[in-house]
Amino acid sequence: MSRLASFSDAHPRIDIELDPTLEIVSFARDEADLGMRFGTVPWKGVDARLLHVEKFAPVAHSERTLPLSDLSDE
């Protein structure tokens, strides 16, 4: 996303429309040329490429005094 404006400036004849949705794009039904999804399972009928590896970590409020023992602790 941070480079989208410079790409658009460099390629003004390419129309970019972002549709942030949880629905899986259907290239046969929709007018989309590209879909971006999070996951590790390959999707049938598409050429999938890894764009970025995410790392997740639990976080807590800085004023919390009790130790967390489980992610469901509040």
C-alpha atoms as a PDB file:
ATOM      1  CA  MET A   1       0.000   0.000   0.000  1.00  0.00           C
ATOM      2  CA  SER A   2       2.824   2.394   0.760  1.00  0.00           C
ATOM      3  CA  ARG A   3       4.015   2.256  -2.885  1.00  0.00           C
ATOM      4  CA  LEU A   4       0.588   2.387  -4.532  1.00  0.00           C
ATOM      5  CA  ALA A   5       0.690   6.141  -5.191  1.00  0.00           C
ATOM      6  CA  SER A   6       4.103   5.988  -6.866  1.00  0.00           C
ATOM      7  CA  PHE A   7       2.971   3.007  -8.983  1.00  0.00           C
ATOM      8  CA  SER A   8      -0.139   4.925 -10.021  1.00  0.00           C
ATOM      9  CA  ASP A   9       1.961   7.993 -10.899  1.00  0.00           C
ATOM     10  CA  ALA A  10       4.363   5.860 -12.963  1.00  0.00           C
ATOM     11  CA  HIS A  11       1.518   4.037 -14.757  1.00  0.00           C
ATOM     12  CA  PRO A  12      -1.362   6.508 -15.172  1.00  0.00           C
ATOM     13  CA  ARG A  13      -3.141   4.370 -17.805  1.00  0.00           C
ATOM     14  CA  ILE A  14      -3.603   1.463 -15.374  1.00  0.00           C
ATOM     15  CA  ASP A  15      -6.833   1.785 -13.379  1.00  0.00           C
ATOM     16  CA  ILE A  16      -6.556   0.593  -9.777  1.00  0.00           C
ATOM     17  CA  GLU A  17      -9.667  -0.140  -7.745  1.00  0.00           C
ATOM     18  CA  LEU A  18      -9.349  -1.580  -4.250  1.00  0.00           C
ATOM     19  CA  ASP A  19     -12.219  -3.594  -2.813  1.00  0.00           C
ATOM     20  CA  PRO A  20     -11.357  -4.658   0.749  1.00  0.00           C
ATOM     21  CA  THR A  21     -13.663  -7.569   1.423  1.00  0.00           C
ATOM     22  CA  LEU A  22     -13.558 -10.997   3.021  1.00  0.00           C
ATOM     23  CA  GLU A  23     -15.101 -12.604  -0.063  1.00  0.00           C
ATOM     24  CA  ILE A  24     -12.859 -14.723  -2.272  1.00  0.00           C
ATOM     25  CA  VAL A  25     -12.673 -13.133  -5.719  1.00  0.00           C
ATOM     26  CA  SER A  26     -13.983 -15.212  -8.613  1.00  0.00           C
ATOM     27  CA  PHE A  27     -11.955 -14.418 -11.712  1.00  0.00           C
ATOM     28  CA  ALA A  28     -14.593 -16.118 -13.883  1.00  0.00           C
ATOM     29  CA  ARG A  29     -17.453 -14.062 -12.384  1.00  0.00           C
ATOM     30  CA  ASP A  30     -15.872 -10.784 -11.241  1.00  0.00           C
ATOM     31  CA  GLU A  31     -13.925  -8.167 -13.178  1.00  0.00           C
ATOM     32  CA  ALA A  32     -10.879  -8.539 -10.934  1.00  0.00           C
ATOM     33  CA  ASP A  33      -7.406  -9.113 -12.362  1.00  0.00           C
ATOM     34  CA  LEU A  34      -5.751  -9.661  -8.983  1.00  0.00           C
ATOM     35  CA  GLY A  35      -6.816 -10.921  -5.578  1.00  0.00           C
ATOM     36  CA  MET A  36      -4.791 -10.824  -2.368  1.00  0.00           C
ATOM     37  CA  ARG A  37      -5.545 -13.240   0.447  1.00  0.00           C
ATOM     38  CA  PHE A  38      -3.998 -14.304   3.731  1.00  0.00           C
ATOM     39  CA  GLY A  39      -3.337 -17.999   4.183  1.00  0.00           C
ATOM     40  CA  THR A  40      -1.092 -20.944   3.441  1.00  0.00           C
ATOM     41  CA  VAL A  41      -3.405 -23.240   1.504  1.00  0.00           C
ATOM     42  CA  PRO A  42      -3.184 -22.965  -2.307  1.00  0.00           C
ATOM     43  CA  TRP A  43      -6.402 -21.898  -3.981  1.00  0.00           C
ATOM     44  CA  LYS A  44      -7.709 -23.956  -6.892  1.00  0.00           C
ATOM     45  CA  GLY A  45      -7.360 -22.467 -10.357  1.00  0.00           C
ATOM     46  CA  VAL A  46      -5.115 -19.526  -9.486  1.00  0.00           C
ATOM     47  CA  ASP A  47      -1.405 -18.724  -9.626  1.00  0.00           C
ATOM     48  CA  ALA A  48      -0.584 -17.882  -5.990  1.00  0.00           C
ATOM     49  CA  ARG A  49       2.623 -16.110  -4.947  1.00  0.00           C
ATOM     50  CA  LEU A  50       3.924 -15.433  -1.450  1.00  0.00           C
ATOM     51  CA  LEU A  51       4.115 -11.664  -0.919  1.00  0.00           C
ATOM     52  CA  HIS A  52       5.003 -11.371   2.756  1.00  0.00           C
ATOM     53  CA  VAL A  53       5.578 -13.523   5.834  1.00  0.00           C
ATOM     54  CA  GLU A  54       3.693 -12.323   8.918  1.00  0.00           C
ATOM     55  CA  LYS A  55       4.855 -12.810  12.481  1.00  0.00           C
ATOM     56  CA  PHE A  56       2.310 -12.583  15.276  1.00  0.00           C
ATOM     57  CA  ALA A  57       2.882 -12.031  18.992  1.00  0.00           C
ATOM     58  CA  PRO A  58       0.519 -11.474  21.909  1.00  0.00           C
ATOM     59  CA  VAL A  59       0.523  -8.003  23.438  1.00  0.00           C
ATOM     60  CA  ALA A  60      -0.902  -6.595  26.671  1.00  0.00           C
ATOM     61  CA  HIS A  61      -1.572  -3.188  28.138  1.00  0.00           C
ATOM     62  CA  SER A  62       1.562  -1.664  29.685  1.00  0.00           C
ATOM     63  CA  GLU A  63      -0.218  -1.126  33.048  1.00  0.00           C
ATOM     64  CA  ARG A  64      -1.307  -4.761  33.429  1.00  0.00           C
ATOM     65  CA  THR A  65       0.089  -6.143  36.693  1.00  0.00           C
ATOM     66  CA  LEU A  66      -1.043  -9.773  36.519  1.00  0.00           C
ATOM     67  CA  PRO A  67       0.942 -12.154  34.307  1.00  0.00           C
ATOM     68  CA  LEU A  68      -0.842 -13.631  31.326  1.00  0.00           C
ATOM     69  CA  SER A  69      -1.069 -17.397  31.443  1.00  0.00           C
ATOM     70  CA  ASP A  70      -3.447 -17.909  28.548  1.00  0.00           C
ATOM     71  CA  LEU A  71      -4.538 -15.871  25.530  1.00  0.00           C
ATOM     72  CA  SER A  72      -8.104 -15.870  26.913  1.00  0.00           C
ATOM     73  CA  ASP A  73      -6.968 -14.077  30.116  1.00  0.00           C
ATOM     74  CA  GLU A  74      -8.404 -10.582  30.424  1.00  0.00           C
END
